[in-house]
């Protein structure tokens, strides 16, 4: 009888262990699949989990924004445009030492650029990779000597945007320039209708600003790209960008 109980207990224990092992193995396999590299584009590596983000109504991560910025840079042959990766923009905001900041910024050659675009994130914890909950965009246009902040959530990121502006304002001027660039909070930027499309607004506005710059270099600087952003960045246009970026990635993925 005791032997039978022991045998039954051992069987149940074995089944429980087997089920736990299979569940653990399945979880690890899913993690492995999610972390599988699907595309290397310039200096950006995308993984299967990034496709999942684009397939659903989810908040964009750093990699997707960096990929799209890199794609825009490759799409425009103009050498006077700089789209700064999220990790670099974050580091500039969080850098505690002016000397270290100088050594880091100078290789970016800001004075050689007419248009510089930064993605702004509200993460303030340097120990949390890809933290934060909101994206916005800060653009510098040399011909107007102006930084413009576009925020799809009514200036929610005004503080980190101004922090970045103050960090780089002294580095964007040409040699011999005495006037410091101004900062403008664009209060009539298009507003998002949900809690997860902020990153798509950043990609949509960045594309419009780059196109405007390439096609309107000699235009009056009073309006800049503002009317183009208001007219073209609609909720439906922003929503369609999720599918556009997803299709772009799939087109660039290796076929084997």
C-alpha atoms as a PDB file:
ATOM      1  CA  UNK A   1       0.000   0.000   0.000  1.00  0.00           C
ATOM      2  CA  UNK A   2       2.765   2.398   1.004  1.00  0.00           C
ATOM      3  CA  UNK A   3       4.701   1.460  -2.103  1.00  0.00           C
ATOM      4  CA  UNK A   4       1.624   2.167  -4.221  1.00  0.00           C
ATOM      5  CA  UNK A   5       1.159   5.599  -2.605  1.00  0.00           C
ATOM      6  CA  UNK A   6       4.807   6.407  -3.117  1.00  0.00           C
ATOM      7  CA  UNK A   7       4.534   5.349  -6.732  1.00  0.00           C
ATOM      8  CA  UNK A   8       1.394   7.470  -7.233  1.00  0.00           C
ATOM      9  CA  UNK A   9       3.025  10.467  -5.556  1.00  0.00           C
ATOM     10  CA  UNK A  10       6.128  10.059  -7.669  1.00  0.00           C
ATOM     11  CA  UNK A  11       3.994   9.890 -10.803  1.00  0.00           C
ATOM     12  CA  UNK A  12       2.117  13.081  -9.875  1.00  0.00           C
ATOM     13  CA  UNK A  13       5.353  14.787  -8.939  1.00  0.00           C
ATOM     14  CA  UNK A  14       6.866  13.712 -12.218  1.00  0.00           C
ATOM     15  CA  UNK A  15       3.866  15.001 -14.176  1.00  0.00           C
ATOM     16  CA  UNK A  16       3.942  18.300 -12.290  1.00  0.00           C
ATOM     17  CA  UNK A  17       7.654  18.681 -12.936  1.00  0.00           C
ATOM     18  CA  UNK A  18       7.142  17.764 -16.591  1.00  0.00           C
ATOM     19  CA  UNK A  19       4.339  20.311 -16.978  1.00  0.00           C
ATOM     20  CA  UNK A  20       6.409  23.023 -15.298  1.00  0.00           C
ATOM     21  CA  UNK A  21       9.391  22.139 -17.464  1.00  0.00           C
ATOM     22  CA  UNK A  22       7.296  22.249 -20.630  1.00  0.00           C
ATOM     23  CA  UNK A  23       5.742  25.565 -19.593  1.00  0.00           C
ATOM     24  CA  UNK A  24       9.177  26.974 -18.804  1.00  0.00           C
ATOM     25  CA  UNK A  25      10.546  25.683 -22.096  1.00  0.00           C
ATOM     26  CA  UNK A  26       7.594  27.189 -23.989  1.00  0.00           C
ATOM     27  CA  UNK A  27       8.122  30.532 -22.258  1.00  0.00           C
ATOM     28  CA  UNK A  28      11.822  30.517 -23.088  1.00  0.00           C
ATOM     29  CA  UNK A  29      11.061  29.567 -26.696  1.00  0.00           C
ATOM     30  CA  UNK A  30       8.626  32.468 -26.967  1.00  0.00           C
ATOM     31  CA  UNK A  31      11.196  34.814 -25.462  1.00  0.00           C
ATOM     32  CA  UNK A  32      13.788  33.489 -27.882  1.00  0.00           C
ATOM     33  CA  UNK A  33      11.440  33.982 -30.819  1.00  0.00           C
ATOM     34  CA  UNK A  34      10.568  37.498 -29.643  1.00  0.00           C
ATOM     35  CA  UNK A  35      14.273  38.335 -29.353  1.00  0.00           C
ATOM     36  CA  UNK A  36      15.151  36.827 -32.725  1.00  0.00           C
ATOM     37  CA  UNK A  37      16.914  39.327 -34.969  1.00  0.00           C
ATOM     38  CA  UNK A  38      14.889  39.996 -38.102  1.00  0.00           C
ATOM     39  CA  UNK A  39      16.662  42.981 -39.669  1.00  0.00           C
ATOM     40  CA  UNK A  40      19.914  44.917 -39.493  1.00  0.00           C
ATOM     41  CA  UNK A  41      19.447  48.330 -41.082  1.00  0.00           C
ATOM     42  CA  UNK A  42      22.408  50.706 -40.971  1.00  0.00           C
ATOM     43  CA  UNK A  43      23.265  50.658 -37.249  1.00  0.00           C
ATOM     44  CA  UNK A  44      19.814  49.512 -36.089  1.00  0.00           C
ATOM     45  CA  UNK A  45      18.922  45.925 -35.182  1.00  0.00           C
ATOM     46  CA  UNK A  46      15.218  45.039 -35.108  1.00  0.00           C
ATOM     47  CA  UNK A  47      13.761  41.949 -33.451  1.00  0.00           C
ATOM     48  CA  UNK A  48      10.577  39.901 -33.761  1.00  0.00           C
ATOM     49  CA  UNK A  49       9.069  41.696 -30.761  1.00  0.00           C
ATOM     50  CA  UNK A  50       9.282  44.984 -32.674  1.00  0.00           C
ATOM     51  CA  UNK A  51       6.935  43.582 -35.316  1.00  0.00           C
ATOM     52  CA  UNK A  52       4.530  42.613 -32.540  1.00  0.00           C
ATOM     53  CA  UNK A  53       4.554  46.205 -31.283  1.00  0.00           C
ATOM     54  CA  UNK A  54       3.725  47.526 -34.743  1.00  0.00           C
ATOM     55  CA  UNK A  55       1.053  44.865 -35.293  1.00  0.00           C
ATOM     56  CA  UNK A  56      -0.996  45.995 -32.303  1.00  0.00           C
ATOM     57  CA  UNK A  57      -2.010  49.256 -30.671  1.00  0.00           C
ATOM     58  CA  UNK A  58       1.168  49.560 -28.616  1.00  0.00           C
ATOM     59  CA  UNK A  59       3.594  52.277 -27.570  1.00  0.00           C
ATOM     60  CA  UNK A  60       6.613  52.478 -29.909  1.00  0.00           C
ATOM     61  CA  UNK A  61       9.984  51.592 -28.425  1.00  0.00           C
ATOM     62  CA  UNK A  62      13.390  53.192 -29.033  1.00  0.00           C
ATOM     63  CA  UNK A  63      14.395  50.705 -31.733  1.00  0.00           C
ATOM     64  CA  UNK A  64      11.416  51.386 -33.980  1.00  0.00           C
ATOM     65  CA  UNK A  65      11.866  55.156 -33.777  1.00  0.00           C
ATOM     66  CA  UNK A  66      15.618  54.831 -34.372  1.00  0.00           C
ATOM     67  CA  UNK A  67      14.937  52.589 -37.371  1.00  0.00           C
ATOM     68  CA  UNK A  68      12.508  55.059 -38.916  1.00  0.00           C
ATOM     69  CA  UNK A  69      14.830  58.000 -38.287  1.00  0.00           C
ATOM     70  CA  UNK A  70      17.640  56.035 -39.954  1.00  0.00           C
ATOM     71  CA  UNK A  71      15.336  55.281 -42.882  1.00  0.00           C
ATOM     72  CA  UNK A  72      14.448  58.968 -43.262  1.00  0.00           C
ATOM     73  CA  UNK A  73      18.145  59.865 -43.198  1.00  0.00           C
ATOM     74  CA  UNK A  74      18.837  57.363 -45.969  1.00  0.00           C
ATOM     75  CA  UNK A  75      15.839  58.596 -47.965  1.00  0.00           C
ATOM     76  CA  UNK A  76      17.070  62.194 -48.016  1.00  0.00           C
ATOM     77  CA  UNK A  77      20.434  62.730 -49.666  1.00  0.00           C
ATOM     78  CA  UNK A  78      20.768  66.184 -48.123  1.00  0.00           C
ATOM     79  CA  UNK A  79      23.805  66.275 -45.847  1.00  0.00           C
ATOM     80  CA  UNK A  80      22.438  69.166 -43.795  1.00  0.00           C
ATOM     81  CA  UNK A  81      19.768  67.033 -42.062  1.00  0.00           C
ATOM     82  CA  UNK A  82      20.497  65.158 -38.828  1.00  0.00           C
ATOM     83  CA  UNK A  83      17.990  62.855 -37.145  1.00  0.00           C
ATOM     84  CA  UNK A  84      19.340  62.041 -33.698  1.00  0.00           C
ATOM     85  CA  UNK A  85      18.754  58.489 -32.349  1.00  0.00           C
ATOM     86  CA  UNK A  86      16.646  58.210 -29.153  1.00  0.00           C
ATOM     87  CA  UNK A  87      19.549  56.865 -27.079  1.00  0.00           C
ATOM     88  CA  UNK A  88      21.752  59.846 -27.934  1.00  0.00           C
ATOM     89  CA  UNK A  89      18.974  62.369 -27.268  1.00  0.00           C
ATOM     90  CA  UNK A  90      18.313  60.693 -23.912  1.00  0.00           C
ATOM     91  CA  UNK A  91      22.004  60.765 -22.990  1.00  0.00           C
ATOM     92  CA  UNK A  92      22.254  64.476 -23.829  1.00  0.00           C
ATOM     93  CA  UNK A  93      19.296  65.235 -21.553  1.00  0.00           C
ATOM     94  CA  UNK A  94      20.678  63.174 -18.681  1.00  0.00           C
ATOM     95  CA  UNK A  95      24.381  64.041 -18.995  1.00  0.00           C
ATOM     96  CA  UNK A  96      25.478  65.563 -15.663  1.00  0.00           C
ATOM     97  CA  UNK A  97      28.877  66.951 -16.728  1.00  0.00           C
ATOM     98  CA  UNK A  98      29.320  69.820 -19.187  1.00  0.00           C
ATOM     99  CA  UNK A  99      32.783  68.616 -20.204  1.00  0.00           C
ATOM    100  CA  UNK A 100      31.534  65.130 -21.032  1.00  0.00           C
ATOM    101  CA  UNK A 101      28.629  66.652 -22.958  1.00  0.00           C
ATOM    102  CA  UNK A 102      30.994  68.746 -25.067  1.00  0.00           C
ATOM    103  CA  UNK A 103      33.119  65.734 -25.993  1.00  0.00           C
ATOM    104  CA  UNK A 104      29.969  63.837 -26.924  1.00  0.00           C
ATOM    105  CA  UNK A 105      28.191  66.557 -28.946  1.00  0.00           C
ATOM    106  CA  UNK A 106      31.076  67.907 -31.025  1.00  0.00           C
ATOM    107  CA  UNK A 107      31.380  64.753 -33.221  1.00  0.00           C
ATOM    108  CA  UNK A 108      27.716  65.239 -34.224  1.00  0.00           C
ATOM    109  CA  UNK A 109      28.744  68.394 -36.156  1.00  0.00           C
ATOM    110  CA  UNK A 110      25.656  70.418 -35.282  1.00  0.00           C
ATOM    111  CA  UNK A 111      27.050  73.630 -36.876  1.00  0.00           C
ATOM    112  CA  UNK A 112      27.117  71.855 -40.263  1.00  0.00           C
ATOM    113  CA  UNK A 113      23.414  70.982 -40.108  1.00  0.00           C
ATOM    114  CA  UNK A 114      20.487  73.152 -41.141  1.00  0.00           C
ATOM    115  CA  UNK A 115      17.859  70.829 -39.680  1.00  0.00           C
ATOM    116  CA  UNK A 116      18.316  68.684 -36.559  1.00  0.00           C
ATOM    117  CA  UNK A 117      15.507  66.514 -35.162  1.00  0.00           C
ATOM    118  CA  UNK A 118      15.536  64.988 -31.671  1.00  0.00           C
ATOM    119  CA  UNK A 119      13.057  62.454 -30.240  1.00  0.00           C
ATOM    120  CA  UNK A 120      12.173  63.412 -26.651  1.00  0.00           C
ATOM    121  CA  UNK A 121      11.208  60.825 -24.028  1.00  0.00           C
ATOM    122  CA  UNK A 122       9.968  61.492 -20.491  1.00  0.00           C
ATOM    123  CA  UNK A 123      12.150  58.769 -18.961  1.00  0.00           C
ATOM    124  CA  UNK A 124      14.400  60.313 -16.300  1.00  0.00           C
ATOM    125  CA  UNK A 125      15.925  57.101 -14.935  1.00  0.00           C
ATOM    126  CA  UNK A 126      19.290  56.251 -16.501  1.00  0.00           C
ATOM    127  CA  UNK A 127      19.061  52.738 -15.025  1.00  0.00           C
ATOM    128  CA  UNK A 128      15.854  51.951 -16.930  1.00  0.00           C
ATOM    129  CA  UNK A 129      16.595  51.087 -20.526  1.00  0.00           C
ATOM    130  CA  UNK A 130      13.754  52.074 -22.850  1.00  0.00           C
ATOM    131  CA  UNK A 131      11.738  53.491 -19.967  1.00  0.00           C
ATOM    132  CA  UNK A 132       9.303  56.369 -20.115  1.00  0.00           C
ATOM    133  CA  UNK A 133       5.717  56.629 -21.271  1.00  0.00           C
ATOM    134  CA  UNK A 134       5.593  59.499 -23.777  1.00  0.00           C
ATOM    135  CA  UNK A 135       7.391  60.638 -26.936  1.00  0.00           C
ATOM    136  CA  UNK A 136       7.553  64.097 -28.479  1.00  0.00           C
ATOM    137  CA  UNK A 137       9.787  65.829 -31.038  1.00  0.00           C
ATOM    138  CA  UNK A 138      12.192  68.764 -30.872  1.00  0.00           C
ATOM    139  CA  UNK A 139      13.394  70.251 -34.168  1.00  0.00           C
ATOM    140  CA  UNK A 140      16.117  72.847 -34.702  1.00  0.00           C
ATOM    141  CA  UNK A 141      16.024  74.938 -37.892  1.00  0.00           C
ATOM    142  CA  UNK A 142      19.156  76.990 -38.489  1.00  0.00           C
ATOM    143  CA  UNK A 143      17.644  79.488 -40.946  1.00  0.00           C
ATOM    144  CA  UNK A 144      15.321  80.676 -38.171  1.00  0.00           C
ATOM    145  CA  UNK A 145      17.796  79.861 -35.347  1.00  0.00           C
ATOM    146  CA  UNK A 146      14.879  78.236 -33.579  1.00  0.00           C
ATOM    147  CA  UNK A 147      14.069  75.057 -31.635  1.00  0.00           C
ATOM    148  CA  UNK A 148      10.435  73.949 -32.017  1.00  0.00           C
ATOM    149  CA  UNK A 149       8.817  71.399 -29.703  1.00  0.00           C
ATOM    150  CA  UNK A 150       5.936  69.334 -31.099  1.00  0.00           C
ATOM    151  CA  UNK A 151       4.043  67.382 -28.442  1.00  0.00           C
ATOM    152  CA  UNK A 152       0.928  65.340 -29.239  1.00  0.00           C
ATOM    153  CA  UNK A 153      -0.125  65.424 -25.580  1.00  0.00           C
ATOM    154  CA  UNK A 154      -0.341  69.169 -24.852  1.00  0.00           C
ATOM    155  CA  UNK A 155       3.241  69.937 -23.768  1.00  0.00           C
ATOM    156  CA  UNK A 156       3.532  66.890 -21.509  1.00  0.00           C
ATOM    157  CA  UNK A 157       7.233  66.672 -22.430  1.00  0.00           C
ATOM    158  CA  UNK A 158       7.962  70.388 -22.156  1.00  0.00           C
ATOM    159  CA  UNK A 159      10.437  69.888 -19.292  1.00  0.00           C
ATOM    160  CA  UNK A 160      12.748  67.318 -20.974  1.00  0.00           C
ATOM    161  CA  UNK A 161      12.464  69.209 -24.278  1.00  0.00           C
ATOM    162  CA  UNK A 162      13.666  72.429 -22.649  1.00  0.00           C
ATOM    163  CA  UNK A 163      16.372  70.486 -20.849  1.00  0.00           C
ATOM    164  CA  UNK A 164      17.721  69.200 -24.159  1.00  0.00           C
ATOM    165  CA  UNK A 165      17.399  72.651 -25.739  1.00  0.00           C
ATOM    166  CA  UNK A 166      19.466  74.201 -22.952  1.00  0.00           C
ATOM    167  CA  UNK A 167      22.069  71.442 -23.273  1.00  0.00           C
ATOM    168  CA  UNK A 168      22.654  71.861 -27.024  1.00  0.00           C
ATOM    169  CA  UNK A 169      21.764  75.519 -27.714  1.00  0.00           C
ATOM    170  CA  UNK A 170      25.366  76.582 -27.242  1.00  0.00           C
ATOM    171  CA  UNK A 171      26.617  73.997 -29.753  1.00  0.00           C
ATOM    172  CA  UNK A 172      24.352  74.552 -32.767  1.00  0.00           C
ATOM    173  CA  UNK A 173      25.584  78.033 -33.694  1.00  0.00           C
ATOM    174  CA  UNK A 174      28.060  78.588 -36.489  1.00  0.00           C
ATOM    175  CA  UNK A 175      31.563  79.781 -35.699  1.00  0.00           C
ATOM    176  CA  UNK A 176      31.447  83.432 -34.672  1.00  0.00           C
ATOM    177  CA  UNK A 177      27.695  83.412 -34.011  1.00  0.00           C
ATOM    178  CA  UNK A 178      26.724  85.549 -31.011  1.00  0.00           C
ATOM    179  CA  UNK A 179      22.960  84.988 -30.819  1.00  0.00           C
ATOM    180  CA  UNK A 180      21.591  81.942 -29.000  1.00  0.00           C
ATOM    181  CA  UNK A 181      18.792  79.953 -30.561  1.00  0.00           C
ATOM    182  CA  UNK A 182      15.248  80.487 -29.276  1.00  0.00           C
ATOM    183  CA  UNK A 183      12.782  77.868 -28.031  1.00  0.00           C
ATOM    184  CA  UNK A 184       9.161  77.631 -29.193  1.00  0.00           C
ATOM    185  CA  UNK A 185       6.497  75.357 -27.752  1.00  0.00           C
ATOM    186  CA  UNK A 186       4.177  74.685 -30.704  1.00  0.00           C
ATOM    187  CA  UNK A 187       0.821  74.930 -28.959  1.00  0.00           C
ATOM    188  CA  UNK A 188      -1.242  73.943 -31.999  1.00  0.00           C
ATOM    189  CA  UNK A 189       0.507  70.656 -32.748  1.00  0.00           C
ATOM    190  CA  UNK A 190      -1.905  67.820 -33.602  1.00  0.00           C
ATOM    191  CA  UNK A 191      -3.168  66.015 -30.487  1.00  0.00           C
ATOM    192  CA  UNK A 192      -3.281  62.224 -30.175  1.00  0.00           C
ATOM    193  CA  UNK A 193      -6.617  60.539 -29.479  1.00  0.00           C
ATOM    194  CA  UNK A 194      -5.309  57.610 -27.432  1.00  0.00           C
ATOM    195  CA  UNK A 195      -2.561  56.723 -24.990  1.00  0.00           C
ATOM    196  CA  UNK A 196      -0.172  54.842 -27.275  1.00  0.00           C
ATOM    197  CA  UNK A 197       0.328  56.667 -30.602  1.00  0.00           C
ATOM    198  CA  UNK A 198       2.758  59.372 -29.406  1.00  0.00           C
ATOM    199  CA  UNK A 199       5.709  57.660 -31.108  1.00  0.00           C
ATOM    200  CA  UNK A 200       3.807  57.528 -34.393  1.00  0.00           C
ATOM    201  CA  UNK A 201       3.170  61.273 -34.139  1.00  0.00           C
ATOM    202  CA  UNK A 202       6.930  61.727 -33.780  1.00  0.00           C
ATOM    203  CA  UNK A 203       7.643  59.666 -36.912  1.00  0.00           C
ATOM    204  CA  UNK A 204       4.877  61.388 -38.901  1.00  0.00           C
ATOM    205  CA  UNK A 205       5.978  64.902 -37.940  1.00  0.00           C
ATOM    206  CA  UNK A 206       9.647  64.081 -38.552  1.00  0.00           C
ATOM    207  CA  UNK A 207       8.815  62.909 -42.080  1.00  0.00           C
ATOM    208  CA  UNK A 208       6.825  66.037 -42.847  1.00  0.00           C
ATOM    209  CA  UNK A 209       9.544  68.360 -41.523  1.00  0.00           C
ATOM    210  CA  UNK A 210      12.216  66.589 -43.589  1.00  0.00           C
ATOM    211  CA  UNK A 211      10.077  66.761 -46.743  1.00  0.00           C
ATOM    212  CA  UNK A 212       9.298  70.424 -46.078  1.00  0.00           C
ATOM    213  CA  UNK A 213      12.986  71.217 -45.652  1.00  0.00           C
ATOM    214  CA  UNK A 214      13.989  69.497 -48.892  1.00  0.00           C
ATOM    215  CA  UNK A 215      11.231  71.178 -50.926  1.00  0.00           C
ATOM    216  CA  UNK A 216      11.070  74.636 -49.324  1.00  0.00           C
ATOM    217  CA  UNK A 217      14.612  75.665 -48.490  1.00  0.00           C
ATOM    218  CA  UNK A 218      14.107  79.238 -49.650  1.00  0.00           C
ATOM    219  CA  UNK A 219      10.651  79.813 -48.190  1.00  0.00           C
ATOM    220  CA  UNK A 220       9.684  82.445 -45.633  1.00  0.00           C
ATOM    221  CA  UNK A 221      10.684  81.333 -42.131  1.00  0.00           C
ATOM    222  CA  UNK A 222       7.622  82.785 -40.396  1.00  0.00           C
ATOM    223  CA  UNK A 223       5.390  79.735 -40.825  1.00  0.00           C
ATOM    224  CA  UNK A 224       8.081  77.097 -41.344  1.00  0.00           C
ATOM    225  CA  UNK A 225       6.514  73.600 -41.560  1.00  0.00           C
ATOM    226  CA  UNK A 226       3.649  74.331 -39.139  1.00  0.00           C
ATOM    227  CA  UNK A 227       0.776  74.429 -41.638  1.00  0.00           C
ATOM    228  CA  UNK A 228       2.032  71.247 -43.338  1.00  0.00           C
ATOM    229  CA  UNK A 229       2.031  69.454 -39.981  1.00  0.00           C
ATOM    230  CA  UNK A 230      -1.475  70.670 -39.127  1.00  0.00           C
ATOM    231  CA  UNK A 231      -2.855  69.635 -42.501  1.00  0.00           C
ATOM    232  CA  UNK A 232      -1.152  66.267 -42.879  1.00  0.00           C
ATOM    233  CA  UNK A 233      -0.842  64.858 -39.355  1.00  0.00           C
ATOM    234  CA  UNK A 234      -4.398  63.630 -38.880  1.00  0.00           C
ATOM    235  CA  UNK A 235      -5.461  60.725 -36.638  1.00  0.00           C
ATOM    236  CA  UNK A 236      -6.082  58.527 -39.686  1.00  0.00           C
ATOM    237  CA  UNK A 237      -2.724  59.413 -41.262  1.00  0.00           C
ATOM    238  CA  UNK A 238      -0.934  58.663 -37.999  1.00  0.00           C
ATOM    239  CA  UNK A 239      -2.768  55.349 -37.566  1.00  0.00           C
ATOM    240  CA  UNK A 240      -1.780  54.302 -41.087  1.00  0.00           C
ATOM    241  CA  UNK A 241       1.890  54.883 -40.272  1.00  0.00           C
ATOM    242  CA  UNK A 242       1.876  51.810 -38.058  1.00  0.00           C
ATOM    243  CA  UNK A 243       1.139  49.647 -41.084  1.00  0.00           C
ATOM    244  CA  UNK A 244       3.508  51.653 -43.292  1.00  0.00           C
ATOM    245  CA  UNK A 245       6.474  51.119 -40.983  1.00  0.00           C
ATOM    246  CA  UNK A 246       5.578  47.448 -40.545  1.00  0.00           C
ATOM    247  CA  UNK A 247       5.404  46.962 -44.327  1.00  0.00           C
ATOM    248  CA  UNK A 248       8.682  48.836 -44.765  1.00  0.00           C
ATOM    249  CA  UNK A 249      10.449  46.547 -42.296  1.00  0.00           C
ATOM    250  CA  UNK A 250       9.037  43.432 -43.957  1.00  0.00           C
ATOM    251  CA  UNK A 251      10.155  44.668 -47.377  1.00  0.00           C
ATOM    252  CA  UNK A 252      13.679  45.182 -46.046  1.00  0.00           C
ATOM    253  CA  UNK A 253      13.861  41.832 -44.239  1.00  0.00           C
ATOM    254  CA  UNK A 254      16.037  39.162 -45.875  1.00  0.00           C
ATOM    255  CA  UNK A 255      13.975  36.647 -47.847  1.00  0.00           C
ATOM    256  CA  UNK A 256      15.904  33.498 -46.881  1.00  0.00           C
END
